[in-house]
């Protein structure tokens, strides 16, 4: 099981990708389009053209995980839009995005820090 922790970087590709690509193809997109190292441990999120499915690519130190979610009804309406190839999200925003919600409209709690 993969757990996305608040400390993990989440990078969402704003442009749709060809879902015939597997781990190697998506890792290549991480390098060439998103300009990130796929071995960094960052969570990479991709959508297809119809926005009915997403793929998540994560390197856990031993190998790659590739997860896919395909909606049975509807589509991911609130996919992040940006002039850049990728957009960073917080981990709680990723769970909202995968649930079909708008990640820009949610607000997480403030980061915990000790008050002396």
PDB file of N, CA and C in Angstrom:
ATOM      1  N   UNK A   1       0.840  -1.180   0.000  1.00  0.00           N
ATOM      2  CA  UNK A   1       0.000   0.000   0.000  1.00  0.00           C
ATOM      3  C   UNK A   1       0.882   1.239   0.000  1.00  0.00           C
ATOM      4  N   UNK A   2       0.453   2.242  -0.714  1.00  0.00           N
ATOM      5  CA  UNK A   2       1.190   3.494  -0.804  1.00  0.00           C
ATOM      6  C   UNK A   2       0.487   4.520   0.068  1.00  0.00           C
ATOM      7  N   UNK A   3       1.260   5.195   0.882  1.00  0.00           N
ATOM      8  CA  UNK A   3       0.713   6.265   1.703  1.00  0.00           C
ATOM      9  C   UNK A   3       1.364   7.570   1.290  1.00  0.00           C
ATOM     10  N   UNK A   4       0.554   8.555   0.960  1.00  0.00           N
ATOM     11  CA  UNK A   4       1.063   9.877   0.621  1.00  0.00           C
ATOM     12  C   UNK A   4       1.060  10.693   1.901  1.00  0.00           C
ATOM     13  N   UNK A   5       2.236  11.048   2.363  1.00  0.00           N
ATOM     14  CA  UNK A   5       2.372  11.787   3.611  1.00  0.00           C
ATOM     15  C   UNK A   5       2.437  13.284   3.334  1.00  0.00           C
ATOM     16  N   UNK A   6       2.190  14.112   4.339  1.00  0.00           N
ATOM     17  CA  UNK A   6       2.260  15.565   4.126  1.00  0.00           C
ATOM     18  C   UNK A   6       3.645  16.056   3.707  1.00  0.00           C
ATOM     19  N   UNK A   7       4.677  15.272   4.000  1.00  0.00           N
ATOM     20  CA  UNK A   7       6.034  15.687   3.644  1.00  0.00           C
ATOM     21  C   UNK A   7       6.377  15.418   2.178  1.00  0.00           C
ATOM     22  N   UNK A   8       5.605  14.613   1.495  1.00  0.00           N
ATOM     23  CA  UNK A   8       5.896  14.260   0.106  1.00  0.00           C
ATOM     24  C   UNK A   8       5.506  15.391  -0.837  1.00  0.00           C
ATOM     25  N   UNK A   9       6.353  15.592  -1.847  1.00  0.00           N
ATOM     26  CA  UNK A   9       6.021  16.554  -2.897  1.00  0.00           C
ATOM     27  C   UNK A   9       5.068  15.895  -3.875  1.00  0.00           C
ATOM     28  N   UNK A  10       4.054  16.619  -4.276  1.00  0.00           N
ATOM     29  CA  UNK A  10       3.086  16.132  -5.261  1.00  0.00           C
ATOM     30  C   UNK A  10       3.163  17.065  -6.461  1.00  0.00           C
ATOM     31  N   UNK A  11       3.413  16.496  -7.629  1.00  0.00           N
ATOM     32  CA  UNK A  11       3.505  17.283  -8.850  1.00  0.00           C
ATOM     33  C   UNK A  11       2.499  16.728  -9.856  1.00  0.00           C
ATOM     34  N   UNK A  12       1.597  17.586 -10.298  1.00  0.00           N
ATOM     35  CA  UNK A  12       0.534  17.198 -11.229  1.00  0.00           C
ATOM     36  C   UNK A  12       0.872  17.737 -12.614  1.00  0.00           C
ATOM     37  N   UNK A  13       0.876  16.854 -13.599  1.00  0.00           N
ATOM     38  CA  UNK A  13       1.071  17.276 -14.988  1.00  0.00           C
ATOM     39  C   UNK A  13      -0.212  17.958 -15.458  1.00  0.00           C
ATOM     40  N   UNK A  14      -0.096  19.186 -15.925  1.00  0.00           N
ATOM     41  CA  UNK A  14      -1.290  19.946 -16.310  1.00  0.00           C
ATOM     42  C   UNK A  14      -1.799  19.581 -17.693  1.00  0.00           C
ATOM     43  N   UNK A  15      -0.934  19.018 -18.518  1.00  0.00           N
ATOM     44  CA  UNK A  15      -1.339  18.598 -19.864  1.00  0.00           C
ATOM     45  C   UNK A  15      -1.634  17.101 -19.869  1.00  0.00           C
ATOM     46  N   UNK A  16      -2.623  16.658 -20.649  1.00  0.00           N
ATOM     47  CA  UNK A  16      -2.920  15.218 -20.715  1.00  0.00           C
ATOM     48  C   UNK A  16      -1.787  14.428 -21.355  1.00  0.00           C
ATOM     49  N   UNK A  17      -1.682  13.160 -20.964  1.00  0.00           N
ATOM     50  CA  UNK A  17      -0.642  12.279 -21.511  1.00  0.00           C
ATOM     51  C   UNK A  17      -1.298  11.055 -22.147  1.00  0.00           C
ATOM     52  N   UNK A  18      -0.528  10.377 -22.980  1.00  0.00           N
ATOM     53  CA  UNK A  18      -0.958   9.150 -23.631  1.00  0.00           C
ATOM     54  C   UNK A  18      -0.933   8.031 -22.592  1.00  0.00           C
ATOM     55  N   UNK A  19      -2.085   7.441 -22.284  1.00  0.00           N
ATOM     56  CA  UNK A  19      -2.155   6.428 -21.235  1.00  0.00           C
ATOM     57  C   UNK A  19      -1.694   5.052 -21.691  1.00  0.00           C
ATOM     58  N   UNK A  20      -1.197   4.934 -22.916  1.00  0.00           N
ATOM     59  CA  UNK A  20      -0.552   3.694 -23.308  1.00  0.00           C
ATOM     60  C   UNK A  20       0.846   3.611 -22.707  1.00  0.00           C
ATOM     61  N   UNK A  21       1.340   4.726 -22.184  1.00  0.00           N
ATOM     62  CA  UNK A  21       2.661   4.753 -21.554  1.00  0.00           C
ATOM     63  C   UNK A  21       2.629   4.011 -20.231  1.00  0.00           C
ATOM     64  N   UNK A  22       3.687   3.297 -19.977  1.00  0.00           N
ATOM     65  CA  UNK A  22       3.840   2.604 -18.707  1.00  0.00           C
ATOM     66  C   UNK A  22       4.813   3.359 -17.813  1.00  0.00           C
ATOM     67  N   UNK A  23       5.470   2.622 -16.930  1.00  0.00           N
ATOM     68  CA  UNK A  23       6.389   3.228 -15.976  1.00  0.00           C
ATOM     69  C   UNK A  23       7.526   3.960 -16.692  1.00  0.00           C
ATOM     70  N   UNK A  24       8.167   3.306 -17.650  1.00  0.00           N
ATOM     71  CA  UNK A  24       9.306   3.920 -18.332  1.00  0.00           C
ATOM     72  C   UNK A  24       8.901   5.158 -19.126  1.00  0.00           C
ATOM     73  N   UNK A  25       7.773   5.101 -19.796  1.00  0.00           N
ATOM     74  CA  UNK A  25       7.300   6.247 -20.570  1.00  0.00           C
ATOM     75  C   UNK A  25       6.946   7.434 -19.691  1.00  0.00           C
ATOM     76  N   UNK A  26       6.284   7.164 -18.563  1.00  0.00           N
ATOM     77  CA  UNK A  26       5.926   8.255 -17.653  1.00  0.00           C
ATOM     78  C   UNK A  26       7.162   8.806 -16.946  1.00  0.00           C
ATOM     79  N   UNK A  27       8.114   7.944 -16.613  1.00  0.00           N
ATOM     80  CA  UNK A  27       9.363   8.425 -16.010  1.00  0.00           C
ATOM     81  C   UNK A  27      10.107   9.321 -16.998  1.00  0.00           C
ATOM     82  N   UNK A  28      10.054   8.987 -18.272  1.00  0.00           N
ATOM     83  CA  UNK A  28      10.649   9.845 -19.296  1.00  0.00           C
ATOM     84  C   UNK A  28       9.977  11.204 -19.370  1.00  0.00           C
ATOM     85  N   UNK A  29       8.652  11.231 -19.216  1.00  0.00           N
ATOM     86  CA  UNK A  29       7.930  12.509 -19.192  1.00  0.00           C
ATOM     87  C   UNK A  29       8.306  13.335 -17.961  1.00  0.00           C
ATOM     88  N   UNK A  30       8.550  12.654 -16.856  1.00  0.00           N
ATOM     89  CA  UNK A  30       8.976  13.365 -15.641  1.00  0.00           C
ATOM     90  C   UNK A  30      10.278  14.114 -15.917  1.00  0.00           C
ATOM     91  N   UNK A  31      11.183  13.454 -16.612  1.00  0.00           N
ATOM     92  CA  UNK A  31      12.476  14.076 -16.918  1.00  0.00           C
ATOM     93  C   UNK A  31      12.358  15.170 -17.980  1.00  0.00           C
ATOM     94  N   UNK A  32      11.702  14.856 -19.094  1.00  0.00           N
ATOM     95  CA  UNK A  32      11.721  15.764 -20.242  1.00  0.00           C
ATOM     96  C   UNK A  32      10.705  16.903 -20.159  1.00  0.00           C
ATOM     97  N   UNK A  33       9.513  16.629 -19.667  1.00  0.00           N
ATOM     98  CA  UNK A  33       8.459  17.642 -19.661  1.00  0.00           C
ATOM     99  C   UNK A  33       8.372  18.352 -18.313  1.00  0.00           C
ATOM    100  N   UNK A  34       8.335  17.577 -17.229  1.00  0.00           N
ATOM    101  CA  UNK A  34       8.198  18.179 -15.896  1.00  0.00           C
ATOM    102  C   UNK A  34       9.531  18.636 -15.312  1.00  0.00           C
ATOM    103  N   UNK A  35      10.636  18.219 -15.949  1.00  0.00           N
ATOM    104  CA  UNK A  35      11.988  18.598 -15.528  1.00  0.00           C
ATOM    105  C   UNK A  35      12.275  18.211 -14.079  1.00  0.00           C
ATOM    106  N   UNK A  36      11.842  17.020 -13.702  1.00  0.00           N
ATOM    107  CA  UNK A  36      12.060  16.484 -12.360  1.00  0.00           C
ATOM    108  C   UNK A  36      12.657  15.091 -12.474  1.00  0.00           C
ATOM    109  N   UNK A  37      13.356  14.679 -11.435  1.00  0.00           N
ATOM    110  CA  UNK A  37      13.948  13.344 -11.389  1.00  0.00           C
ATOM    111  C   UNK A  37      12.891  12.351 -10.899  1.00  0.00           C
ATOM    112  N   UNK A  38      12.553  11.343 -11.689  1.00  0.00           N
ATOM    113  CA  UNK A  38      11.528  10.385 -11.252  1.00  0.00           C
ATOM    114  C   UNK A  38      11.958   9.561 -10.041  1.00  0.00           C
ATOM    115  N   UNK A  39      13.249   9.518  -9.736  1.00  0.00           N
ATOM    116  CA  UNK A  39      13.758   8.787  -8.577  1.00  0.00           C
ATOM    117  C   UNK A  39      13.758   9.637  -7.302  1.00  0.00           C
ATOM    118  N   UNK A  40      13.212  10.833  -7.353  1.00  0.00           N
ATOM    119  CA  UNK A  40      13.260  11.759  -6.227  1.00  0.00           C
ATOM    120  C   UNK A  40      12.298  11.395  -5.092  1.00  0.00           C
ATOM    121  N   UNK A  41      11.347  10.520  -5.353  1.00  0.00           N
ATOM    122  CA  UNK A  41      10.341  10.194  -4.341  1.00  0.00           C
ATOM    123  C   UNK A  41       9.119  11.089  -4.418  1.00  0.00           C
ATOM    124  N   UNK A  42       9.125  11.985  -5.368  1.00  0.00           N
ATOM    125  CA  UNK A  42       7.983  12.871  -5.592  1.00  0.00           C
ATOM    126  C   UNK A  42       6.815  12.046  -6.146  1.00  0.00           C
ATOM    127  N   UNK A  43       5.605  12.466  -5.858  1.00  0.00           N
ATOM    128  CA  UNK A  43       4.402  11.825  -6.385  1.00  0.00           C
ATOM    129  C   UNK A  43       4.039  12.536  -7.685  1.00  0.00           C
ATOM    130  N   UNK A  44       4.067  11.820  -8.795  1.00  0.00           N
ATOM    131  CA  UNK A  44       3.738  12.393 -10.098  1.00  0.00           C
ATOM    132  C   UNK A  44       2.344  11.931 -10.500  1.00  0.00           C
ATOM    133  N   UNK A  45       1.489  12.882 -10.872  1.00  0.00           N
ATOM    134  CA  UNK A  45       0.097  12.572 -11.201  1.00  0.00           C
ATOM    135  C   UNK A  45      -0.172  13.021 -12.639  1.00  0.00           C
ATOM    136  N   UNK A  46      -0.759  12.121 -13.432  1.00  0.00           N
ATOM    137  CA  UNK A  46      -1.035  12.374 -14.838  1.00  0.00           C
ATOM    138  C   UNK A  46      -2.511  12.071 -15.120  1.00  0.00           C
ATOM    139  N   UNK A  47      -3.076  12.763 -16.108  1.00  0.00           N
ATOM    140  CA  UNK A  47      -4.446  12.447 -16.544  1.00  0.00           C
ATOM    141  C   UNK A  47      -4.438  12.172 -18.042  1.00  0.00           C
ATOM    142  N   UNK A  48      -5.498  11.499 -18.499  1.00  0.00           N
ATOM    143  CA  UNK A  48      -5.631  11.257 -19.936  1.00  0.00           C
ATOM    144  C   UNK A  48      -6.415  12.408 -20.566  1.00  0.00           C
ATOM    145  N   UNK A  49      -6.555  12.370 -21.878  1.00  0.00           N
ATOM    146  CA  UNK A  49      -7.189  13.472 -22.597  1.00  0.00           C
ATOM    147  C   UNK A  49      -8.645  13.694 -22.187  1.00  0.00           C
ATOM    148  N   UNK A  50      -9.376  12.625 -21.965  1.00  0.00           N
ATOM    149  CA  UNK A  50     -10.790  12.768 -21.602  1.00  0.00           C
ATOM    150  C   UNK A  50     -10.986  13.093 -20.126  1.00  0.00           C
ATOM    151  N   UNK A  51      -9.915  13.069 -19.352  1.00  0.00           N
ATOM    152  CA  UNK A  51      -9.921  13.322 -17.902  1.00  0.00           C
ATOM    153  C   UNK A  51     -10.846  12.362 -17.160  1.00  0.00           C
ATOM    154  N   UNK A  52     -10.940  11.138 -17.651  1.00  0.00           N
ATOM    155  CA  UNK A  52     -11.703  10.102 -16.960  1.00  0.00           C
ATOM    156  C   UNK A  52     -10.813   9.186 -16.150  1.00  0.00           C
ATOM    157  N   UNK A  53      -9.486   9.333 -16.313  1.00  0.00           N
ATOM    158  CA  UNK A  53      -8.558   8.459 -15.603  1.00  0.00           C
ATOM    159  C   UNK A  53      -7.302   9.234 -15.201  1.00  0.00           C
ATOM    160  N   UNK A  54      -6.691   8.774 -14.121  1.00  0.00           N
ATOM    161  CA  UNK A  54      -5.417   9.338 -13.671  1.00  0.00           C
ATOM    162  C   UNK A  54      -4.446   8.198 -13.426  1.00  0.00           C
ATOM    163  N   UNK A  55      -3.160   8.501 -13.571  1.00  0.00           N
ATOM    164  CA  UNK A  55      -2.091   7.582 -13.214  1.00  0.00           C
ATOM    165  C   UNK A  55      -1.168   8.303 -12.259  1.00  0.00           C
ATOM    166  N   UNK A  56      -0.705   7.563 -11.243  1.00  0.00           N
ATOM    167  CA  UNK A  56       0.209   8.108 -10.245  1.00  0.00           C
ATOM    168  C   UNK A  56       1.479   7.279 -10.275  1.00  0.00           C
ATOM    169  N   UNK A  57       2.612   7.961 -10.391  1.00  0.00           N
ATOM    170  CA  UNK A  57       3.915   7.318 -10.434  1.00  0.00           C
ATOM    171  C   UNK A  57       4.721   7.750  -9.219  1.00  0.00           C
ATOM    172  N   UNK A  58       5.215   6.758  -8.456  1.00  0.00           N
ATOM    173  CA  UNK A  58       6.006   7.039  -7.256  1.00  0.00           C
ATOM    174  C   UNK A  58       7.174   6.066  -7.207  1.00  0.00           C
ATOM    175  N   UNK A  59       8.336   6.577  -6.840  1.00  0.00           N
ATOM    176  CA  UNK A  59       9.502   5.728  -6.588  1.00  0.00           C
ATOM    177  C   UNK A  59       9.678   5.644  -5.079  1.00  0.00           C
ATOM    178  N   UNK A  60       9.710   4.409  -4.525  1.00  0.00           N
ATOM    179  CA  UNK A  60       9.763   4.237  -3.071  1.00  0.00           C
ATOM    180  C   UNK A  60      11.139   3.861  -2.535  1.00  0.00           C
ATOM    181  N   UNK A  61      12.160   3.926  -3.369  1.00  0.00           N
ATOM    182  CA  UNK A  61      13.505   3.569  -2.939  1.00  0.00           C
ATOM    183  C   UNK A  61      13.929   2.193  -3.421  1.00  0.00           C
ATOM    184  N   UNK A  62      12.956   1.324  -3.713  1.00  0.00           N
ATOM    185  CA  UNK A  62      13.251  -0.012  -4.236  1.00  0.00           C
ATOM    186  C   UNK A  62      12.782  -0.177  -5.667  1.00  0.00           C
ATOM    187  N   UNK A  63      11.743   0.547  -6.020  1.00  0.00           N
ATOM    188  CA  UNK A  63      11.173   0.424  -7.355  1.00  0.00           C
ATOM    189  C   UNK A  63      10.033   1.404  -7.529  1.00  0.00           C
ATOM    190  N   UNK A  64       9.449   1.374  -8.711  1.00  0.00           N
ATOM    191  CA  UNK A  64       8.349   2.284  -9.030  1.00  0.00           C
ATOM    192  C   UNK A  64       7.000   1.644  -8.727  1.00  0.00           C
ATOM    193  N   UNK A  65       6.073   2.464  -8.272  1.00  0.00           N
ATOM    194  CA  UNK A  65       4.668   2.110  -8.150  1.00  0.00           C
ATOM    195  C   UNK A  65       3.929   2.890  -9.228  1.00  0.00           C
ATOM    196  N   UNK A  66       3.047   2.227  -9.937  1.00  0.00           N
ATOM    197  CA  UNK A  66       2.190   2.883 -10.914  1.00  0.00           C
ATOM    198  C   UNK A  66       0.757   2.524 -10.566  1.00  0.00           C
ATOM    199  N   UNK A  67      -0.005   3.533 -10.187  1.00  0.00           N
ATOM    200  CA  UNK A  67      -1.406   3.331  -9.804  1.00  0.00           C
ATOM    201  C   UNK A  67      -2.287   4.042 -10.823  1.00  0.00           C
ATOM    202  N   UNK A  68      -3.453   3.472 -11.070  1.00  0.00           N
ATOM    203  CA  UNK A  68      -4.389   4.071 -12.002  1.00  0.00           C
ATOM    204  C   UNK A  68      -5.777   4.073 -11.399  1.00  0.00           C
ATOM    205  N   UNK A  69      -6.483   5.181 -11.602  1.00  0.00           N
ATOM    206  CA  UNK A  69      -7.884   5.259 -11.216  1.00  0.00           C
ATOM    207  C   UNK A  69      -8.667   5.711 -12.429  1.00  0.00           C
ATOM    208  N   UNK A  70      -9.711   4.948 -12.778  1.00  0.00           N
ATOM    209  CA  UNK A  70     -10.581   5.301 -13.891  1.00  0.00           C
ATOM    210  C   UNK A  70     -11.984   5.461 -13.344  1.00  0.00           C
ATOM    211  N   UNK A  71     -12.601   6.592 -13.617  1.00  0.00           N
ATOM    212  CA  UNK A  71     -13.950   6.857 -13.133  1.00  0.00           C
ATOM    213  C   UNK A  71     -14.971   6.085 -13.957  1.00  0.00           C
ATOM    214  N   UNK A  72     -15.976   5.543 -13.285  1.00  0.00           N
ATOM    215  CA  UNK A  72     -17.040   4.850 -14.004  1.00  0.00           C
ATOM    216  C   UNK A  72     -18.062   5.830 -14.558  1.00  0.00           C
ATOM    217  N   UNK A  73     -18.194   6.986 -13.906  1.00  0.00           N
ATOM    218  CA  UNK A  73     -19.098   8.043 -14.379  1.00  0.00           C
ATOM    219  C   UNK A  73     -18.402   9.383 -14.208  1.00  0.00           C
ATOM    220  N   UNK A  74     -18.652  10.279 -15.127  1.00  0.00           N
ATOM    221  CA  UNK A  74     -18.099  11.627 -15.018  1.00  0.00           C
ATOM    222  C   UNK A  74     -16.628  11.695 -15.371  1.00  0.00           C
ATOM    223  N   UNK A  75     -16.031  12.821 -14.995  1.00  0.00           N
ATOM    224  CA  UNK A  75     -14.614  13.056 -15.253  1.00  0.00           C
ATOM    225  C   UNK A  75     -14.049  13.961 -14.183  1.00  0.00           C
ATOM    226  N   UNK A  76     -12.744  14.078 -14.169  1.00  0.00           N
ATOM    227  CA  UNK A  76     -12.083  14.956 -13.213  1.00  0.00           C
ATOM    228  C   UNK A  76     -12.233  16.389 -13.727  1.00  0.00           C
ATOM    229  N   UNK A  77     -13.239  17.086 -13.237  1.00  0.00           N
ATOM    230  CA  UNK A  77     -13.581  18.416 -13.752  1.00  0.00           C
ATOM    231  C   UNK A  77     -12.609  19.495 -13.309  1.00  0.00           C
ATOM    232  N   UNK A  78     -11.991  19.328 -12.177  1.00  0.00           N
ATOM    233  CA  UNK A  78     -11.173  20.382 -11.606  1.00  0.00           C
ATOM    234  C   UNK A  78      -9.678  20.097 -11.747  1.00  0.00           C
ATOM    235  N   UNK A  79      -9.261  19.635 -12.918  1.00  0.00           N
ATOM    236  CA  UNK A  79      -7.845  19.350 -13.126  1.00  0.00           C
ATOM    237  C   UNK A  79      -7.078  20.661 -13.131  1.00  0.00           C
ATOM    238  N   UNK A  80      -5.952  20.724 -12.416  1.00  0.00           N
ATOM    239  CA  UNK A  80      -5.185  21.984 -12.345  1.00  0.00           C
ATOM    240  C   UNK A  80      -4.753  22.488 -13.718  1.00  0.00           C
ATOM    241  N   UNK A  81      -4.876  23.777 -13.905  1.00  0.00           N
ATOM    242  CA  UNK A  81      -4.494  24.427 -15.155  1.00  0.00           C
ATOM    243  C   UNK A  81      -3.355  25.387 -14.838  1.00  0.00           C
ATOM    244  N   UNK A  82      -2.350  25.375 -15.678  1.00  0.00           N
ATOM    245  CA  UNK A  82      -1.204  26.254 -15.469  1.00  0.00           C
ATOM    246  C   UNK A  82      -0.483  26.443 -16.784  1.00  0.00           C
ATOM    247  N   UNK A  83       0.245  27.556 -16.900  1.00  0.00           N
ATOM    248  CA  UNK A  83       1.082  27.763 -18.080  1.00  0.00           C
ATOM    249  C   UNK A  83       2.299  26.853 -18.043  1.00  0.00           C
ATOM    250  N   UNK A  84       2.686  26.434 -16.848  1.00  0.00           N
ATOM    251  CA  UNK A  84       3.821  25.529 -16.696  1.00  0.00           C
ATOM    252  C   UNK A  84       3.369  24.099 -16.989  1.00  0.00           C
ATOM    253  N   UNK A  85       4.331  23.212 -17.172  1.00  0.00           N
ATOM    254  CA  UNK A  85       4.018  21.809 -17.477  1.00  0.00           C
ATOM    255  C   UNK A  85       3.463  21.074 -16.268  1.00  0.00           C
ATOM    256  N   UNK A  86       3.831  21.518 -15.070  1.00  0.00           N
ATOM    257  CA  UNK A  86       3.368  20.856 -13.862  1.00  0.00           C
ATOM    258  C   UNK A  86       2.978  21.851 -12.792  1.00  0.00           C
ATOM    259  N   UNK A  87       2.184  21.377 -11.852  1.00  0.00           N
ATOM    260  CA  UNK A  87       1.749  22.223 -10.747  1.00  0.00           C
ATOM    261  C   UNK A  87       1.909  21.440  -9.454  1.00  0.00           C
ATOM    262  N   UNK A  88       2.482  22.075  -8.457  1.00  0.00           N
ATOM    263  CA  UNK A  88       2.657  21.426  -7.160  1.00  0.00           C
ATOM    264  C   UNK A  88       1.368  21.505  -6.356  1.00  0.00           C
ATOM    265  N   UNK A  89       1.062  20.428  -5.659  1.00  0.00           N
ATOM    266  CA  UNK A  89      -0.090  20.379  -4.767  1.00  0.00           C
ATOM    267  C   UNK A  89       0.369  19.877  -3.408  1.00  0.00           C
ATOM    268  N   UNK A  90      -0.401  20.175  -2.395  1.00  0.00           N
ATOM    269  CA  UNK A  90      -0.193  19.593  -1.073  1.00  0.00           C
ATOM    270  C   UNK A  90      -0.841  18.207  -1.073  1.00  0.00           C
ATOM    271  N   UNK A  91      -0.455  17.367  -0.128  1.00  0.00           N
ATOM    272  CA  UNK A  91      -0.978  15.997  -0.099  1.00  0.00           C
ATOM    273  C   UNK A  91      -2.494  15.970   0.118  1.00  0.00           C
ATOM    274  N   UNK A  92      -3.020  16.871   0.935  1.00  0.00           N
ATOM    275  CA  UNK A  92      -4.473  16.891   1.150  1.00  0.00           C
ATOM    276  C   UNK A  92      -5.201  17.330  -0.110  1.00  0.00           C
ATOM    277  N   UNK A  93      -4.566  18.180  -0.934  1.00  0.00           N
ATOM    278  CA  UNK A  93      -5.183  18.594  -2.187  1.00  0.00           C
ATOM    279  C   UNK A  93      -5.238  17.440  -3.183  1.00  0.00           C
ATOM    280  N   UNK A  94      -4.238  16.546  -3.121  1.00  0.00           N
ATOM    281  CA  UNK A  94      -4.261  15.372  -3.989  1.00  0.00           C
ATOM    282  C   UNK A  94      -5.447  14.480  -3.669  1.00  0.00           C
ATOM    283  N   UNK A  95      -5.727  14.269  -2.397  1.00  0.00           N
ATOM    284  CA  UNK A  95      -6.871  13.422  -2.048  1.00  0.00           C
ATOM    285  C   UNK A  95      -8.184  14.057  -2.497  1.00  0.00           C
ATOM    286  N   UNK A  96      -8.277  15.375  -2.441  1.00  0.00           N
ATOM    287  CA  UNK A  96      -9.479  16.063  -2.931  1.00  0.00           C
ATOM    288  C   UNK A  96      -9.594  15.910  -4.443  1.00  0.00           C
ATOM    289  N   UNK A  97      -8.474  16.066  -5.150  1.00  0.00           N
ATOM    290  CA  UNK A  97      -8.470  15.918  -6.605  1.00  0.00           C
ATOM    291  C   UNK A  97      -8.894  14.515  -7.015  1.00  0.00           C
ATOM    292  N   UNK A  98      -8.358  13.488  -6.340  1.00  0.00           N
ATOM    293  CA  UNK A  98      -8.697  12.107  -6.677  1.00  0.00           C
ATOM    294  C   UNK A  98     -10.136  11.756  -6.316  1.00  0.00           C
ATOM    295  N   UNK A  99     -10.750  12.535  -5.427  1.00  0.00           N
ATOM    296  CA  UNK A  99     -12.152  12.324  -5.072  1.00  0.00           C
ATOM    297  C   UNK A  99     -13.095  13.080  -5.992  1.00  0.00           C
ATOM    298  N   UNK A 100     -12.544  13.823  -6.941  1.00  0.00           N
ATOM    299  CA  UNK A 100     -13.375  14.559  -7.889  1.00  0.00           C
ATOM    300  C   UNK A 100     -13.656  15.982  -7.485  1.00  0.00           C
ATOM    301  N   UNK A 101     -12.998  16.474  -6.438  1.00  0.00           N
ATOM    302  CA  UNK A 101     -13.229  17.830  -5.959  1.00  0.00           C
ATOM    303  C   UNK A 101     -12.235  18.822  -6.526  1.00  0.00           C
ATOM    304  N   UNK A 102     -12.409  20.064  -6.121  1.00  0.00           N
ATOM    305  CA  UNK A 102     -11.552  21.150  -6.571  1.00  0.00           C
ATOM    306  C   UNK A 102     -10.444  21.377  -5.554  1.00  0.00           C
ATOM    307  N   UNK A 103      -9.198  21.030  -5.867  1.00  0.00           N
ATOM    308  CA  UNK A 103      -8.115  21.176  -4.895  1.00  0.00           C
ATOM    309  C   UNK A 103      -7.776  22.627  -4.576  1.00  0.00           C
ATOM    310  N   UNK A 104      -8.144  23.566  -5.443  1.00  0.00           N
ATOM    311  CA  UNK A 104      -7.852  24.967  -5.182  1.00  0.00           C
ATOM    312  C   UNK A 104      -8.820  25.594  -4.190  1.00  0.00           C
ATOM    313  N   UNK A 105      -9.943  24.966  -3.942  1.00  0.00           N
ATOM    314  CA  UNK A 105     -10.960  25.519  -3.046  1.00  0.00           C
ATOM    315  C   UNK A 105     -10.851  25.017  -1.613  1.00  0.00           C
ATOM    316  N   UNK A 106      -9.974  24.051  -1.360  1.00  0.00           N
ATOM    317  CA  UNK A 106      -9.837  23.518   0.002  1.00  0.00           C
ATOM    318  C   UNK A 106      -8.645  24.163   0.681  1.00  0.00           C
ATOM    319  N   UNK A 107      -8.738  24.224   1.981  1.00  0.00           N
ATOM    320  CA  UNK A 107      -7.662  24.808   2.750  1.00  0.00           C
ATOM    321  C   UNK A 107      -7.305  23.854   3.873  1.00  0.00           C
ATOM    322  N   UNK A 108      -6.066  23.487   3.945  1.00  0.00           N
ATOM    323  CA  UNK A 108      -5.599  22.575   4.982  1.00  0.00           C
ATOM    324  C   UNK A 108      -5.308  23.314   6.266  1.00  0.00           C
ATOM    325  N   UNK A 109      -5.064  22.549   7.295  1.00  0.00           N
ATOM    326  CA  UNK A 109      -4.697  23.166   8.559  1.00  0.00           C
ATOM    327  C   UNK A 109      -3.278  23.712   8.469  1.00  0.00           C
ATOM    328  N   UNK A 110      -2.972  24.638   9.324  1.00  0.00           N
ATOM    329  CA  UNK A 110      -1.631  25.214   9.337  1.00  0.00           C
ATOM    330  C   UNK A 110      -0.640  24.146   9.765  1.00  0.00           C
ATOM    331  N   UNK A 111       0.578  24.211   9.210  1.00  0.00           N
ATOM    332  CA  UNK A 111       1.581  23.222   9.619  1.00  0.00           C
ATOM    333  C   UNK A 111       1.822  23.296  11.124  1.00  0.00           C
ATOM    334  N   UNK A 112       1.956  22.119  11.734  1.00  0.00           N
ATOM    335  CA  UNK A 112       2.150  22.070  13.163  1.00  0.00           C
ATOM    336  C   UNK A 112       3.546  22.528  13.506  1.00  0.00           C
ATOM    337  N   UNK A 113       3.641  23.317  14.526  1.00  0.00           N
ATOM    338  CA  UNK A 113       4.954  23.649  15.051  1.00  0.00           C
ATOM    339  C   UNK A 113       4.817  23.955  16.526  1.00  0.00           C
ATOM    340  N   UNK A 114       5.830  23.647  17.228  1.00  0.00           N
ATOM    341  CA  UNK A 114       5.834  23.800  18.681  1.00  0.00           C
ATOM    342  C   UNK A 114       5.871  25.277  19.074  1.00  0.00           C
ATOM    343  N   UNK A 115       5.048  25.627  20.013  1.00  0.00           N
ATOM    344  CA  UNK A 115       5.032  26.993  20.535  1.00  0.00           C
ATOM    345  C   UNK A 115       5.768  26.991  21.863  1.00  0.00           C
ATOM    346  N   UNK A 116       6.822  27.778  21.946  1.00  0.00           N
ATOM    347  CA  UNK A 116       7.606  27.831  23.183  1.00  0.00           C
ATOM    348  C   UNK A 116       7.219  29.012  24.026  1.00  0.00           C
TER     349      UNK A 116
END
